[in-house]
């Protein structure tokens, strides 16, 4: 009887040890998740509330796309009276991703400029004239 109780005590001790290790691991995972949530909340707070920032960004993007540094489009984002929705969506996505990762408005705009400069449209707009 004493031997059986001793075996049970040893088994329970091993079980308590493994459960304790699992709890420590879960506690560490929970801490990492909390840090990630706090970082995401901080990044979202860096972006102004309301539409003002997006209005400024789209206004800037319109001017940049129309400029000689941009895509040389006379109508900017609305060349030929048609909104370049794919371009606008893609470039705004670059902007928002940069802002969510902590970039300032100016740095996020630079990320958009870099993305535009890798586009075939920009390459065509800035190609050297054929001789």
Protein backbone atom coordinates (compact mmCIF):
# COMPACT_ATOMS: atom_id res chain seq x y z
CA UNK A 1 0.00 0.00 0.00
CA UNK A 2 2.79 2.43 0.92
CA UNK A 3 4.60 1.56 -2.32
CA UNK A 4 1.47 2.31 -4.38
CA UNK A 5 1.01 5.64 -2.60
CA UNK A 6 4.67 6.49 -3.24
CA UNK A 7 4.24 5.81 -6.96
CA UNK A 8 1.13 7.98 -7.05
CA UNK A 9 2.96 10.81 -5.24
CA UNK A 10 5.87 10.63 -7.72
CA UNK A 11 3.47 10.63 -10.69
CA UNK A 12 1.57 13.59 -9.30
CA UNK A 13 4.85 15.44 -8.64
CA UNK A 14 5.92 14.91 -12.26
CA UNK A 15 2.49 16.09 -13.45
CA UNK A 16 2.71 19.23 -11.29
CA UNK A 17 6.19 19.95 -12.68
CA UNK A 18 5.02 19.66 -16.33
CA UNK A 19 1.90 21.75 -15.68
CA UNK A 20 4.05 24.42 -14.04
CA UNK A 21 6.31 24.56 -17.10
CA UNK A 22 3.27 24.85 -19.36
CA UNK A 23 1.93 27.74 -17.28
CA UNK A 24 5.27 29.56 -17.47
CA UNK A 25 5.21 29.18 -21.26
CA UNK A 26 1.64 30.44 -21.48
CA UNK A 27 2.49 33.39 -19.26
CA UNK A 28 5.38 34.34 -21.57
CA UNK A 29 3.13 34.03 -24.63
CA UNK A 30 0.51 36.23 -22.99
CA UNK A 31 3.14 38.84 -22.15
CA UNK A 32 4.38 38.88 -25.75
CA UNK A 33 0.81 39.23 -27.02
CA UNK A 34 0.19 42.17 -24.70
CA UNK A 35 3.33 43.90 -25.93
CA UNK A 36 2.27 43.37 -29.55
CA UNK A 37 -1.19 44.78 -28.82
CA UNK A 38 0.32 47.83 -27.12
CA UNK A 39 2.63 48.45 -30.08
CA UNK A 40 -0.28 48.17 -32.51
CA UNK A 41 -2.36 50.56 -30.42
CA UNK A 42 0.52 53.05 -30.28
CA UNK A 43 0.96 52.88 -34.05
CA UNK A 44 -2.74 53.43 -34.65
CA UNK A 45 -2.72 56.41 -32.29
CA UNK A 46 0.10 57.90 -34.37
CA UNK A 47 -2.34 58.19 -37.26
CA UNK A 48 -4.68 61.13 -36.82
CA UNK A 49 -8.30 60.40 -36.10
CA UNK A 50 -10.74 61.40 -38.83
CA UNK A 51 -10.35 61.85 -42.56
CA UNK A 52 -8.03 64.89 -42.48
CA UNK A 53 -4.83 62.92 -42.94
CA UNK A 54 -6.25 60.91 -45.83
CA UNK A 55 -7.51 64.10 -47.49
CA UNK A 56 -4.02 65.62 -47.17
CA UNK A 57 -2.45 62.44 -48.49
CA UNK A 58 -4.74 62.09 -51.51
CA UNK A 59 -4.30 65.80 -52.30
CA UNK A 60 -0.52 65.39 -52.13
CA UNK A 61 -0.69 62.19 -54.21
CA UNK A 62 -2.80 63.92 -56.86
CA UNK A 63 -0.19 66.68 -57.16
CA UNK A 64 2.74 64.23 -57.14
CA UNK A 65 1.26 62.00 -59.86
CA UNK A 66 0.66 65.07 -62.04
CA UNK A 67 4.14 66.52 -61.43
CA UNK A 68 7.26 66.08 -63.53
CA UNK A 69 8.82 64.19 -60.62
CA UNK A 70 5.84 61.85 -60.58
CA UNK A 71 4.07 60.28 -63.54
CA UNK A 72 3.64 63.43 -65.73
CA UNK A 73 -0.12 62.83 -65.86
CA UNK A 74 -2.00 66.04 -66.69
CA UNK A 75 -5.07 64.76 -64.83
CA UNK A 76 -3.07 63.31 -61.94
CA UNK A 77 -5.00 60.42 -60.46
CA UNK A 78 -7.82 61.03 -62.96
CA UNK A 79 -6.00 60.89 -66.28
CA UNK A 80 -8.44 60.71 -69.20
CA UNK A 81 -11.28 61.55 -66.78
CA UNK A 82 -10.96 58.09 -65.22
CA UNK A 83 -9.82 57.53 -61.65
CA UNK A 84 -6.76 55.29 -61.41
CA UNK A 85 -8.40 53.32 -58.60
CA UNK A 86 -5.82 50.51 -58.69
CA UNK A 87 -2.95 52.96 -58.40
CA UNK A 88 -4.67 55.01 -55.71
CA UNK A 89 -5.53 51.90 -53.69
CA UNK A 90 -2.04 50.45 -54.00
CA UNK A 91 -0.25 53.69 -53.11
CA UNK A 92 -2.59 54.40 -50.18
CA UNK A 93 -1.92 50.87 -48.94
CA UNK A 94 1.83 51.60 -48.96
CA UNK A 95 1.15 54.84 -47.08
CA UNK A 96 -1.09 53.27 -44.44
CA UNK A 97 1.28 50.33 -43.89
CA UNK A 98 4.15 52.74 -43.32
CA UNK A 99 2.06 54.80 -40.88
CA UNK A 100 0.93 51.71 -38.96
CA UNK A 101 4.58 50.71 -38.58
CA UNK A 102 5.36 54.08 -36.98
CA UNK A 103 6.45 56.24 -39.94
CA UNK A 104 5.66 59.94 -39.92
CA UNK A 105 3.47 61.41 -42.65
CA UNK A 106 6.59 62.63 -44.46
CA UNK A 107 8.31 59.24 -44.22
CA UNK A 108 5.15 57.44 -45.36
CA UNK A 109 5.00 59.76 -48.39
CA UNK A 110 8.61 58.89 -49.17
CA UNK A 111 7.64 55.21 -49.08
CA UNK A 112 4.87 55.97 -51.61
CA UNK A 113 7.33 57.84 -53.84
CA UNK A 114 9.69 54.86 -53.70
CA UNK A 115 6.83 52.53 -54.68
CA UNK A 116 5.77 54.78 -57.55
CA UNK A 117 9.35 54.98 -58.82
CA UNK A 118 9.48 51.20 -59.15
CA UNK A 119 6.31 51.15 -61.25
CA UNK A 120 6.29 50.61 -65.02
CA UNK A 121 4.30 53.87 -65.38
CA UNK A 122 7.08 55.86 -63.74
CA UNK A 123 9.71 54.07 -65.81
CA UNK A 124 7.82 54.99 -69.00
CA UNK A 125 7.29 58.58 -67.89
CA UNK A 126 11.00 59.02 -67.18
CA UNK A 127 12.47 56.99 -70.03
CA UNK A 128 15.04 58.77 -72.16
CA UNK A 129 13.61 59.78 -75.53
CA UNK A 130 14.51 57.44 -78.40
CA UNK A 131 17.10 58.87 -80.78
